[in-house]
């Protein structure tokens, strides 16, 4: 499901995942490998002094490529109760094959990520996002979207990002940490 992300620079932008297609995360006009975005979140959370980073990004079309094929395979595995195919989806969700990873490095471009000194907002490429909405987006991605990860099998990188947010000393994540505590 799509997450409408509130930005300071562009208003509401479509972001997040589309259904169970979690290999890529989108933020408006950008597409990121979900794993790479979670690694960025973890890095920012455990390094509160960090104000700049980079994230390999792609155009919006990258998000939609092969999405229909992926969803058809996922639905077929569920309908047929093919345990091997279901296990494959559980173990590979959000993962990118080595071939795709090599292609991605050639196709992508580095997107600048800047955290304000007061930790009140993040500028991710052309989007300026306040810390609360960035935190909500980071939580949404690490959580596997609104529905959570397929069969609740959470990739290690998502667990690490979620734990890093929970334990972060950075003011960048203080608002989302408060919301997470309220949910418990």
Protein backbone atom coordinates (compact mmCIF):
# COMPACT_ATOMS: atom_id res chain seq x y z
CA UNK A 1 0.00 0.00 0.00
CA UNK A 2 1.10 3.50 -0.70
CA UNK A 3 2.16 5.81 2.10
CA UNK A 4 1.45 9.48 1.55
CA UNK A 5 4.57 11.16 2.90
CA UNK A 6 4.25 14.77 4.03
CA UNK A 7 7.20 16.84 2.82
CA UNK A 8 8.00 20.47 3.51
CA UNK A 9 9.18 21.06 -0.04
CA UNK A 10 6.63 19.21 -2.21
CA UNK A 11 3.57 18.68 -0.02
CA UNK A 12 2.17 15.15 0.03
CA UNK A 13 4.07 12.64 -2.13
CA UNK A 14 3.34 9.00 -2.84
CA UNK A 15 5.91 6.80 -1.17
CA UNK A 16 6.49 3.37 0.29
CA UNK A 17 5.69 -0.03 -1.17
CA UNK A 18 3.08 -1.38 -3.51
CA UNK A 19 1.46 -4.43 -1.95
CA UNK A 20 3.97 -7.17 -1.24
CA UNK A 21 6.55 -5.77 -3.66
CA UNK A 22 9.14 -4.77 -1.06
CA UNK A 23 12.33 -5.06 -3.09
CA UNK A 24 12.17 -1.34 -3.75
CA UNK A 25 10.97 1.61 -1.73
CA UNK A 26 9.85 4.75 -3.44
CA UNK A 27 9.78 8.33 -2.31
CA UNK A 28 8.04 10.52 -4.86
CA UNK A 29 10.21 10.55 -7.97
CA UNK A 30 12.93 8.37 -6.41
CA UNK A 31 13.29 4.63 -6.02
CA UNK A 32 15.69 3.02 -3.56
CA UNK A 33 16.56 -0.59 -2.82
CA UNK A 34 14.69 -1.22 0.45
CA UNK A 35 17.79 -2.77 1.97
CA UNK A 36 19.87 0.31 1.13
CA UNK A 37 17.28 2.66 2.62
CA UNK A 38 17.17 0.62 5.85
CA UNK A 39 20.97 0.70 5.99
CA UNK A 40 20.85 4.50 5.66
CA UNK A 41 18.32 4.74 8.49
CA UNK A 42 20.46 2.51 10.68
CA UNK A 43 23.57 4.56 9.88
CA UNK A 44 21.84 7.85 10.77
CA UNK A 45 20.37 6.36 13.94
CA UNK A 46 23.65 5.00 15.34
CA UNK A 47 25.73 8.01 14.26
CA UNK A 48 23.90 11.04 15.68
CA UNK A 49 26.73 13.39 14.67
CA UNK A 50 26.33 12.50 10.98
CA UNK A 51 24.76 15.30 8.96
CA UNK A 52 25.44 14.04 5.42
CA UNK A 53 25.22 10.75 3.61
CA UNK A 54 24.47 9.38 0.15
CA UNK A 55 21.92 6.85 -1.06
CA UNK A 56 21.96 5.08 -4.41
CA UNK A 57 18.73 6.05 -6.15
CA UNK A 58 16.85 5.48 -9.37
CA UNK A 59 13.98 7.04 -11.24
CA UNK A 60 10.36 6.22 -10.46
CA UNK A 61 10.19 3.72 -13.34
CA UNK A 62 12.63 1.39 -11.58
CA UNK A 63 10.04 0.82 -8.89
CA UNK A 64 7.46 -0.45 -11.36
CA UNK A 65 9.78 -2.65 -13.46
CA UNK A 66 9.02 -6.33 -12.97
CA UNK A 67 6.48 -5.46 -10.28
CA UNK A 68 3.60 -7.17 -12.05
CA UNK A 69 5.66 -10.33 -12.61
CA UNK A 70 6.73 -10.38 -8.96
CA UNK A 71 3.15 -9.95 -7.72
CA UNK A 72 1.85 -12.66 -10.07
CA UNK A 73 4.46 -15.12 -8.76
CA UNK A 74 3.64 -14.21 -5.16
CA UNK A 75 -0.11 -14.63 -5.67
CA UNK A 76 0.39 -17.93 -7.50
CA UNK A 77 2.56 -19.26 -4.66
CA UNK A 78 -0.10 -18.33 -2.11
CA UNK A 79 -3.02 -19.73 -4.15
CA UNK A 80 -1.26 -23.01 -4.88
CA UNK A 81 0.11 -23.27 -1.31
CA UNK A 82 3.49 -24.08 -2.86
CA UNK A 83 5.56 -24.27 0.34
CA UNK A 84 8.90 -24.03 -1.49
CA UNK A 85 7.81 -20.93 -3.42
CA UNK A 86 6.33 -19.36 -0.28
CA UNK A 87 9.58 -20.04 1.62
CA UNK A 88 11.50 -18.39 -1.25
CA UNK A 89 9.38 -15.25 -0.94
CA UNK A 90 9.77 -15.24 2.86
CA UNK A 91 13.56 -15.51 2.62
CA UNK A 92 14.09 -13.15 -0.31
CA UNK A 93 11.67 -10.32 0.38
CA UNK A 94 13.36 -7.01 0.00
CA UNK A 95 16.49 -8.71 -1.33
CA UNK A 96 18.04 -7.92 -4.69
CA UNK A 97 19.73 -10.62 -6.75
CA UNK A 98 23.43 -10.27 -7.50
CA UNK A 99 22.67 -9.66 -11.20
CA UNK A 100 20.15 -6.95 -10.30
CA UNK A 101 22.62 -5.46 -7.82
CA UNK A 102 25.26 -5.13 -10.54
CA UNK A 103 22.70 -3.57 -12.88
CA UNK A 104 21.61 -1.18 -10.14
CA UNK A 105 25.11 0.14 -9.60
CA UNK A 106 25.29 0.99 -13.30
CA UNK A 107 21.79 2.48 -13.49
CA UNK A 108 21.66 4.48 -10.28
CA UNK A 109 22.92 7.82 -9.19
CA UNK A 110 23.94 8.96 -5.75
CA UNK A 111 21.27 11.00 -3.98
CA UNK A 112 22.39 13.45 -1.34
CA UNK A 113 20.99 13.07 2.19
CA UNK A 114 21.45 16.00 4.57
CA UNK A 115 20.29 16.24 8.17
CA UNK A 116 19.84 19.74 9.58
CA UNK A 117 22.12 20.66 12.46
CA UNK A 118 19.13 20.96 14.78
CA UNK A 119 17.92 17.50 13.57
CA UNK A 120 14.50 18.94 12.73
CA UNK A 121 14.50 17.85 9.09
CA UNK A 122 16.18 15.76 6.41
CA UNK A 123 16.76 16.78 2.82
CA UNK A 124 16.73 13.63 0.72
CA UNK A 125 17.51 14.67 -2.84
CA UNK A 126 14.94 17.30 -3.71
CA UNK A 127 12.59 16.48 -0.81
CA UNK A 128 12.73 18.29 2.51
CA UNK A 129 11.05 16.20 5.22
CA UNK A 130 10.61 17.15 8.87
CA UNK A 131 12.04 14.70 11.39
CA UNK A 132 8.65 13.34 12.50
CA UNK A 133 7.60 12.43 8.96
CA UNK A 134 11.05 11.10 8.08
CA UNK A 135 10.90 8.94 11.20
CA UNK A 136 7.43 7.70 10.28
CA UNK A 137 8.66 6.84 6.79
CA UNK A 138 11.74 5.05 8.17
CA UNK A 139 9.53 3.08 10.58
CA UNK A 140 7.05 2.23 7.80
CA UNK A 141 9.83 0.87 5.55
CA UNK A 142 11.58 -1.10 8.33
CA UNK A 143 8.22 -2.48 9.46
CA UNK A 144 7.51 -3.80 5.94
CA UNK A 145 4.77 -1.30 5.13
CA UNK A 146 1.28 -1.18 6.58
CA UNK A 147 0.83 -4.96 6.31
CA UNK A 148 4.25 -5.92 7.68
CA UNK A 149 6.67 -8.36 6.11
CA UNK A 150 5.39 -11.39 4.20
CA UNK A 151 4.39 -14.10 6.69
CA UNK A 152 6.04 -11.94 9.38
CA UNK A 153 9.52 -13.06 8.28
CA UNK A 154 11.47 -9.87 8.89
CA UNK A 155 14.76 -9.38 6.99
CA UNK A 156 17.77 -8.84 9.24
CA UNK A 157 18.46 -5.38 7.77
CA UNK A 158 14.90 -4.28 8.69
CA UNK A 159 15.28 -5.60 12.24
CA UNK A 160 18.60 -3.77 12.56
CA UNK A 161 17.08 -0.50 11.29
CA UNK A 162 14.13 -0.79 13.67
CA UNK A 163 16.41 -1.54 16.64
CA UNK A 164 18.71 1.34 15.68
CA UNK A 165 15.73 3.73 15.66
CA UNK A 166 14.56 2.48 19.07
CA UNK A 167 18.03 2.85 20.60
CA UNK A 168 19.11 6.01 18.79
CA UNK A 169 20.46 8.95 20.73
CA UNK A 170 19.88 11.22 17.74
CA UNK A 171 17.24 13.94 18.05
CA UNK A 172 16.37 13.10 14.44
CA UNK A 173 14.44 10.07 15.72
CA UNK A 174 13.08 11.43 19.02
CA UNK A 175 9.55 12.05 17.67
CA UNK A 176 9.13 8.61 16.11
CA UNK A 177 10.61 6.96 19.20
CA UNK A 178 7.92 8.68 21.29
CA UNK A 179 5.22 7.42 18.90
CA UNK A 180 6.68 3.91 18.99
CA UNK A 181 6.60 3.94 22.81
CA UNK A 182 2.98 5.10 22.75
CA UNK A 183 2.11 2.10 20.52
CA UNK A 184 3.55 -0.45 22.96
